[in-house]
Amino acid sequence: MTDMLVAQRHERLLSELRASGGLKVVELAARLGVSRATVRRDLLDLEEEGALSRVRGGAMLATPGSGAVHGTARGPAAGGHPARAARTLGLIVPSATYYYPRVVAGVQEVAAAHDARVVISLTDYTHESDAQRIEELASSGASGLLVASPGGHDLPDKTLDELESTGLPYVLLERQPHDPFASCEFVATDHRQGAFAAVRHLVGLGHRKVGLFTNGSPTAALLRAGHEAAVDRLGLQGDAPVLDSGRPTLGSGEAAAQYDQFIDECLAGGVRAALVHSDHDAIEMMRRMRLRRLQAPEDLALIAYDDEIASLADVPLTAVAPPKHEIGQQAARLLLDRLDAPDPQAVPVRQLFVQPRLTIRSSCGTRAGA
């Protein structure tokens, strides 16, 4: 019965296209009385059969004898092997200038190697626009989605529902579903491991108190969790300062006051080592230290978190580097694996954590007597 209903729906859909030449997904969904996700699945099926061509936001009847969709040949390719259908990876990221350029580069590298196209949509850290971006990419003909929403690392249930409603396969980038039992693919940096590794290195240099400075970013909570775990598991004294600046404007008087407060609390508590997120904050903190005739690592050993520009500091910063390029590569591979599978539903759900790297430089010094 279900197969008959699908067949009837396909015929009705083709009938609507014959009458008009081409229609948008939203118009087809309204005329057939079904969801947009259902229409998109039907369009994919009919495109595979050569009955129509998907275009941006909708579909049109296939031109007789054209044999091509999105510029990718349908029939046998050179050498007698069937060509893969054209695939477009829709990519949502919060920023094109910080953190995510390397992630995007990783996605593009894998997509190019698999003859896939990438279409990017930029959100904003200060505006929640997930639903709009998801709908735009789904309507543009994306085969699957790679999503880093602008909020924190926990993806809201609402956004997960919006992704599910598209009917498209998707992989989260540096995000995880708020519900830990949600059946959802993701690739994420294990920032807690990164913070733990930084504190462990400082402990290896003889420090028994390690402070933490964060800048209000979505990563801050994970760094705090890794820092707390290190303090507990490595038996450190738990009175080192932990301060979050709340994202003041870099270089502002408010930011300078936060750095000064953290330095004061470290010195007052006998703390001589700290993990600082981000590179910019660690560099600015060293500048505030110099104004007080303090130096790194002699007065305060520092490890930066991000490793974007840490090596360019006056005293090159030891830094934790999230594997941004690899995150993009792995996410693209997961999505393409599913898109290329004969039966995508048979592919198991994969959730991948990638550990950051710690690069040792001058800012945290060496063990006394070494």
Protein backbone atom coordinates (compact mmCIF):
# COMPACT_ATOMS: atom_id res chain seq x y z
CA MET A 1 0.00 0.00 0.00
CA THR A 2 2.81 2.38 0.89
CA ASP A 3 4.60 1.70 -2.43
CA MET A 4 1.37 2.45 -4.29
CA LEU A 5 0.98 5.75 -2.45
CA VAL A 6 4.56 6.72 -3.27
CA ALA A 7 4.03 5.83 -6.93
CA GLN A 8 0.82 7.86 -7.01
CA ARG A 9 2.57 10.81 -5.38
CA HIS A 10 5.42 10.61 -7.91
CA GLU A 11 2.96 10.64 -10.81
CA ARG A 12 1.08 13.59 -9.29
CA LEU A 13 4.35 15.46 -8.80
CA LEU A 14 5.38 14.86 -12.44
CA SER A 15 1.92 15.95 -13.57
CA GLU A 16 2.31 19.26 -11.73
CA LEU A 17 5.70 19.78 -13.35
CA ARG A 18 4.34 18.97 -16.82
CA ALA A 19 1.66 21.58 -16.36
CA SER A 20 4.00 24.33 -15.22
CA GLY A 21 7.47 23.35 -16.48
CA GLY A 22 9.07 23.91 -13.09
CA LEU A 23 8.03 24.50 -9.49
CA LYS A 24 9.66 25.29 -6.16
CA VAL A 25 9.72 22.75 -3.33
CA VAL A 26 7.37 24.89 -1.23
CA GLU A 27 4.84 25.05 -4.08
CA LEU A 28 5.00 21.31 -4.74
CA ALA A 29 4.54 20.55 -1.03
CA ALA A 30 1.45 22.79 -0.91
CA ARG A 31 -0.09 21.26 -4.05
CA LEU A 32 0.51 17.67 -2.94
CA GLY A 33 -0.39 18.29 0.70
CA VAL A 34 2.84 16.76 2.04
CA SER A 35 5.92 18.04 3.86
CA ARG A 36 8.83 19.70 2.09
CA ALA A 37 11.07 16.86 3.30
CA THR A 38 8.82 14.35 1.52
CA VAL A 39 8.95 16.39 -1.68
CA ARG A 40 12.74 16.56 -1.54
CA ARG A 41 12.99 12.79 -1.14
CA ASP A 42 10.61 12.30 -4.08
CA LEU A 43 12.64 14.71 -6.22
CA LEU A 44 15.82 12.78 -5.44
CA ASP A 45 14.14 9.49 -6.44
CA LEU A 46 12.75 10.92 -9.67
CA GLU A 47 16.05 12.60 -10.51
CA GLU A 48 17.81 9.24 -10.17
CA GLU A 49 15.28 7.82 -12.63
CA GLY A 50 16.04 10.67 -15.06
CA ALA A 51 12.47 12.00 -14.93
CA LEU A 52 13.39 15.49 -13.74
CA SER A 53 16.24 17.79 -12.86
CA ARG A 54 16.56 19.43 -9.47
CA VAL A 55 17.35 23.14 -9.61
CA ARG A 56 17.87 25.74 -6.91
CA GLY A 57 14.89 25.47 -4.57
CA GLY A 58 12.81 23.18 -6.75
CA ALA A 59 12.68 21.02 -9.89
CA MET A 60 11.95 21.02 -13.61
CA LEU A 61 11.18 18.23 -16.06
CA ALA A 62 14.27 16.68 -17.61
CA THR A 63 14.94 17.80 -21.17
CA PRO A 64 14.69 14.81 -23.55
CA GLY A 65 18.15 13.55 -24.42
CA SER A 66 19.92 15.92 -22.02
CA GLY A 67 21.28 13.14 -19.77
CA ALA A 68 22.85 15.63 -17.36
CA VAL A 69 22.00 17.07 -13.97
CA HIS A 70 24.07 19.84 -12.35
CA GLY A 71 26.77 19.31 -14.96
CA THR A 72 27.52 15.70 -13.99
CA ALA A 73 27.04 13.04 -16.64
CA ARG A 74 24.46 10.34 -15.95
CA GLY A 75 25.20 7.13 -17.91
CA PRO A 76 28.54 5.31 -17.98
CA ALA A 77 31.63 7.39 -17.50
CA ALA A 78 34.89 6.94 -19.38
CA GLY A 79 36.22 3.44 -18.80
CA GLY A 80 32.72 1.98 -18.44
CA HIS A 81 32.21 2.91 -14.75
CA PRO A 82 28.93 4.61 -13.82
CA ALA A 83 29.38 8.29 -12.86
CA ARG A 84 28.31 9.42 -9.41
CA ALA A 85 25.35 11.76 -9.23
CA ALA A 86 26.34 15.36 -8.52
CA ARG A 87 26.44 16.09 -4.81
CA THR A 88 26.31 19.45 -3.07
CA LEU A 89 27.39 19.77 0.56
CA GLY A 90 25.57 22.61 2.32
CA LEU A 91 27.85 24.09 4.98
CA ILE A 92 26.71 26.34 7.86
CA VAL A 93 29.41 28.06 9.94
CA PRO A 94 29.28 31.03 12.33
CA SER A 95 32.33 32.90 11.01
CA ALA A 96 34.54 33.21 7.95
CA THR A 97 37.33 35.01 9.79
CA TYR A 98 38.03 33.16 13.05
CA TYR A 99 38.43 29.45 13.84
CA TYR A 100 36.32 28.18 10.94
CA PRO A 101 38.44 29.06 7.84
CA ARG A 102 40.58 25.96 8.46
CA VAL A 103 37.47 23.84 9.05
CA VAL A 104 36.03 25.07 5.76
CA ALA A 105 39.33 24.33 3.99
CA GLY A 106 39.18 20.74 5.28
CA VAL A 107 35.63 20.32 3.96
CA GLN A 108 36.59 21.77 0.57
CA GLU A 109 39.64 19.51 0.24
CA VAL A 110 37.64 16.31 0.74
CA ALA A 111 34.72 17.55 -1.40
CA ALA A 112 37.08 18.33 -4.29
CA ALA A 113 38.64 14.87 -4.06
CA HIS A 114 35.15 13.35 -4.37
CA ASP A 115 33.90 15.65 -7.15
CA ALA A 116 31.40 17.29 -4.80
CA ARG A 117 30.44 20.94 -4.55
CA VAL A 118 30.35 23.01 -1.35
CA VAL A 119 27.83 25.82 -0.76
CA ILE A 120 28.44 27.87 2.39
CA SER A 121 26.01 29.88 4.50
CA LEU A 122 27.37 32.18 7.22
CA THR A 123 25.45 32.67 10.45
CA ASP A 124 26.43 35.02 13.26
CA TYR A 125 27.49 34.29 16.83
CA THR A 126 25.05 36.92 18.10
CA HIS A 127 21.98 35.97 16.05
CA GLU A 128 20.16 32.66 16.13
CA SER A 129 19.23 32.00 12.50
CA ASP A 130 19.54 28.23 12.25
CA ALA A 131 16.09 27.61 10.79
CA GLN A 132 16.49 30.16 8.01
CA ARG A 133 19.96 28.93 7.00
CA ILE A 134 18.93 25.28 7.07
CA GLU A 135 15.87 25.96 4.94
CA GLU A 136 17.87 28.06 2.45
CA LEU A 137 20.47 25.34 1.93
CA ALA A 138 17.90 22.55 1.75
CA SER A 139 15.87 24.53 -0.81
CA SER A 140 18.97 25.29 -2.88
CA GLY A 141 19.37 21.61 -3.72
CA ALA A 142 21.96 20.56 -1.12
CA SER A 143 22.43 16.79 -1.01
CA GLY A 144 23.41 16.89 2.68
CA LEU A 145 24.30 19.38 5.40
CA LEU A 146 27.35 20.12 7.56
CA VAL A 147 26.24 22.31 10.46
CA ALA A 148 28.04 24.44 13.06
CA SER A 149 25.27 26.58 14.57
CA PRO A 150 26.14 29.94 16.20
CA GLY A 151 25.29 28.96 19.78
CA GLY A 152 27.22 26.78 22.18
CA HIS A 153 28.56 23.29 21.61
CA ASP A 154 25.22 21.73 22.64
CA LEU A 155 22.84 21.87 19.68
CA PRO A 156 19.30 22.82 20.80
CA ASP A 157 16.58 20.21 20.30
CA LYS A 158 14.71 22.72 18.12
CA THR A 159 17.60 22.96 15.67
CA LEU A 160 17.92 19.18 15.59
CA ASP A 161 14.19 18.95 14.72
CA GLU A 162 14.71 21.49 11.94
CA LEU A 163 17.53 19.41 10.50
CA GLU A 164 15.46 16.22 10.69
CA SER A 165 12.55 17.92 8.92
CA THR A 166 14.65 18.52 5.80
CA GLY A 167 14.90 14.80 5.14
CA LEU A 168 18.57 15.34 4.25
CA PRO A 169 21.53 13.55 5.85
CA TYR A 170 23.58 15.86 8.06
CA VAL A 171 26.70 15.92 10.24
CA LEU A 172 27.29 18.39 13.07
CA LEU A 173 30.62 20.25 13.13
CA GLU A 174 32.04 21.10 16.58
CA ARG A 175 28.53 20.61 17.94
CA GLN A 176 26.72 17.80 19.73
CA PRO A 177 23.00 17.30 20.30
CA HIS A 178 21.74 18.57 23.64
CA ASP A 179 20.15 15.16 24.13
CA PRO A 180 23.12 12.78 24.65
CA PHE A 181 21.00 9.86 23.39
CA ALA A 182 20.00 11.50 20.11
CA SER A 183 20.92 9.41 17.08
CA CYS A 184 22.95 12.08 15.36
CA GLU A 185 26.31 12.14 13.60
CA PHE A 186 28.92 14.68 14.68
CA VAL A 187 32.64 15.43 14.55
CA ALA A 188 33.96 17.56 17.40
CA THR A 189 37.18 18.60 19.09
CA ASP A 190 37.52 17.17 22.60
CA HIS A 191 38.24 20.54 24.23
CA ARG A 192 38.13 18.99 27.70
CA GLN A 193 41.05 16.77 26.71
CA GLY A 194 42.86 19.85 25.38
CA ALA A 195 42.51 21.73 28.66
CA PHE A 196 43.49 18.62 30.64
CA ALA A 197 46.64 18.15 28.54
CA ALA A 198 47.67 21.78 29.09
CA VAL A 199 47.28 21.55 32.87
CA ARG A 200 49.06 18.18 32.95
CA HIS A 201 52.03 19.71 31.12
CA LEU A 202 52.25 22.55 33.66
CA VAL A 203 52.06 20.04 36.49
CA GLY A 204 54.95 18.19 34.89
CA LEU A 205 56.94 21.44 35.16
CA GLY A 206 56.35 21.48 38.91
CA HIS A 207 53.28 23.71 39.27
CA ARG A 208 50.71 22.70 41.89
CA LYS A 209 48.28 25.53 41.12
CA VAL A 210 47.07 26.36 37.60
CA GLY A 211 44.70 29.22 36.83
CA LEU A 212 42.23 29.43 33.93
CA PHE A 213 41.22 32.52 31.94
CA THR A 214 38.48 32.27 29.29
CA ASN A 215 36.84 34.86 27.06
CA GLY A 216 33.15 33.97 27.10
CA SER A 217 33.27 31.90 23.90
CA PRO A 218 31.15 28.75 23.36
CA THR A 219 34.30 26.74 24.16
CA ALA A 220 34.72 28.22 27.65
CA ALA A 221 32.46 25.74 29.47
CA LEU A 222 34.33 22.75 28.02
CA LEU A 223 37.69 24.23 28.99
CA ARG A 224 36.42 24.75 32.53
CA ALA A 225 35.30 21.12 32.66
CA GLY A 226 38.74 19.93 31.49
CA HIS A 227 40.48 22.22 33.96
CA GLU A 228 38.30 21.02 36.84
CA ALA A 229 38.97 17.39 35.91
CA ALA A 230 42.72 18.03 35.87
CA VAL A 231 42.65 19.76 39.26
CA ASP A 232 40.76 16.80 40.70
CA ARG A 233 42.59 13.90 39.04
CA LEU A 234 46.09 15.36 39.30
CA GLY A 235 45.64 16.33 42.94
CA LEU A 236 46.18 20.07 42.49
CA GLN A 237 45.34 22.76 44.98
CA GLY A 238 41.89 24.02 44.05
CA ASP A 239 42.17 27.71 44.93
CA ALA A 240 43.71 28.95 41.66
CA PRO A 241 41.68 31.72 39.96
CA VAL A 242 39.18 30.77 37.26
CA LEU A 243 37.91 33.87 35.46
CA ASP A 244 35.71 34.36 32.39
CA SER A 245 35.92 37.85 30.88
CA GLY A 246 32.51 37.71 29.16
CA ARG A 247 33.87 38.72 25.73
CA PRO A 248 34.76 42.40 26.14
CA THR A 249 36.06 44.23 23.05
CA LEU A 250 39.68 43.25 22.47
CA GLY A 251 41.99 46.10 23.45
CA SER A 252 39.31 47.93 25.46
CA GLY A 253 39.70 49.25 28.99
CA GLU A 254 37.21 46.63 30.15
CA ALA A 255 39.39 43.86 28.71
CA ALA A 256 42.53 45.31 30.30
CA ALA A 257 40.80 45.39 33.69
CA GLN A 258 39.93 41.69 33.35
CA TYR A 259 43.56 40.77 32.56
CA ASP A 260 44.80 42.84 35.48
CA GLN A 261 42.30 41.23 37.84
CA PHE A 262 43.40 37.75 36.78
CA ILE A 263 47.10 38.61 37.18
CA ASP A 264 46.43 40.11 40.63
CA GLU A 265 44.54 37.00 41.76
CA CYS A 266 47.32 34.70 40.50
CA LEU A 267 50.05 36.65 42.27
CA ALA A 268 48.04 36.97 45.49
CA GLY A 269 47.36 33.24 45.59
CA GLY A 270 50.86 32.10 44.73
CA VAL A 271 49.74 30.84 41.32
CA ARG A 272 52.53 30.90 38.74
CA ALA A 273 50.92 29.09 35.80
CA ALA A 274 47.76 29.55 33.75
CA LEU A 275 45.85 28.35 30.69
CA VAL A 276 44.46 31.28 28.68
CA HIS A 277 41.78 31.16 25.97
CA SER A 278 42.44 32.55 23.38
CA ASP A 279 45.78 33.42 21.72
CA HIS A 280 44.73 37.06 21.52
CA ASP A 281 43.94 37.10 25.23
CA ALA A 282 47.23 35.41 26.14
CA ILE A 283 49.20 37.95 24.07
CA GLU A 284 47.31 40.86 25.64
CA MET A 285 47.84 39.37 29.09
CA MET A 286 51.59 39.22 28.50
CA ARG A 287 51.49 42.88 27.47
CA ARG A 288 49.73 43.78 30.73
CA MET A 289 52.36 41.77 32.60
CA ARG A 290 55.20 43.69 30.94
CA LEU A 291 53.66 47.00 32.03
CA ARG A 292 54.10 45.71 35.59
CA ARG A 293 57.64 44.43 34.94
CA LEU A 294 56.43 40.85 35.02
CA GLN A 295 57.56 38.23 32.51
CA ALA A 296 56.48 34.89 31.12
CA PRO A 297 57.43 32.25 32.10
CA GLU A 298 59.44 33.57 35.09
CA ASP A 299 56.54 35.26 36.90
CA LEU A 300 53.60 33.52 35.23
CA ALA A 301 53.94 30.54 32.89
CA LEU A 302 51.29 30.66 30.16
CA ILE A 303 49.69 28.20 27.75
CA ALA A 304 47.35 29.63 25.11
CA TYR A 305 44.32 27.81 23.70
CA ASP A 306 43.73 27.98 19.92
CA ASP A 307 47.20 28.28 18.35
CA GLU A 308 46.10 30.69 15.63
CA ILE A 309 48.85 33.29 16.26
CA ALA A 310 50.46 31.93 19.44
CA SER A 311 53.87 31.43 17.79
CA LEU A 312 54.01 35.15 16.87
CA ALA A 313 53.95 36.45 20.46
CA ASP A 314 57.03 38.24 21.83
CA VAL A 315 57.58 35.17 23.96
CA PRO A 316 56.29 32.39 21.67
CA LEU A 317 53.33 30.80 23.40
CA THR A 318 53.02 27.13 24.17
CA ALA A 319 49.56 26.41 22.81
CA VAL A 320 46.78 23.86 22.45
CA ALA A 321 45.64 23.59 18.83
CA PRO A 322 42.16 22.21 18.04
CA PRO A 323 42.46 20.06 14.86
CA LYS A 324 40.32 22.40 12.76
CA HIS A 325 41.37 21.19 9.31
CA GLU A 326 40.91 17.55 10.34
CA ILE A 327 37.45 18.33 11.79
CA GLY A 328 36.34 19.61 8.39
CA GLN A 329 37.88 16.65 6.58
CA GLN A 330 36.32 14.03 8.85
CA ALA A 331 32.86 15.63 8.76
CA ALA A 332 32.88 15.80 4.96
CA ARG A 333 33.96 12.14 4.76
CA LEU A 334 31.15 11.02 7.07
CA LEU A 335 28.57 12.87 5.02
CA LEU A 336 29.89 11.65 1.67
CA ASP A 337 30.07 8.07 2.97
CA ARG A 338 26.36 8.23 3.69
CA LEU A 339 25.47 9.98 0.43
CA ASP A 340 27.42 7.40 -1.60
CA ALA A 341 26.13 4.32 0.23
CA PRO A 342 23.71 2.09 -1.73
CA ASP A 343 21.51 2.10 1.36
CA PRO A 344 22.26 5.22 3.48
CA GLN A 345 20.02 3.96 6.29
CA ALA A 346 22.22 0.88 6.68
CA VAL A 347 25.27 3.00 7.53
CA PRO A 348 25.74 3.10 11.34
CA VAL A 349 25.56 6.47 13.09
CA ARG A 350 29.10 7.68 13.85
CA GLN A 351 30.12 10.18 16.54
CA LEU A 352 33.76 11.23 16.43
CA PHE A 353 35.88 13.15 18.94
CA VAL A 354 39.29 14.40 17.80
CA GLN A 355 41.91 15.38 20.36
CA PRO A 356 43.77 18.72 20.13
CA ARG A 357 47.57 18.95 19.90
CA LEU A 358 49.85 20.62 22.45
CA THR A 359 52.79 22.48 20.89
CA ILE A 360 55.59 23.38 23.33
CA ARG A 361 57.23 26.81 22.96
CA SER A 362 58.89 29.29 25.35
CA SER A 363 56.04 30.76 27.40
CA CYS A 364 55.77 28.01 30.02
CA GLY A 365 59.50 27.44 30.56
CA THR A 366 61.14 24.20 31.62
CA ARG A 367 61.19 22.22 34.83
CA ALA A 368 63.43 23.66 37.49
CA GLY A 369 66.87 22.05 37.29
CA ALA A 370 66.19 20.66 33.80
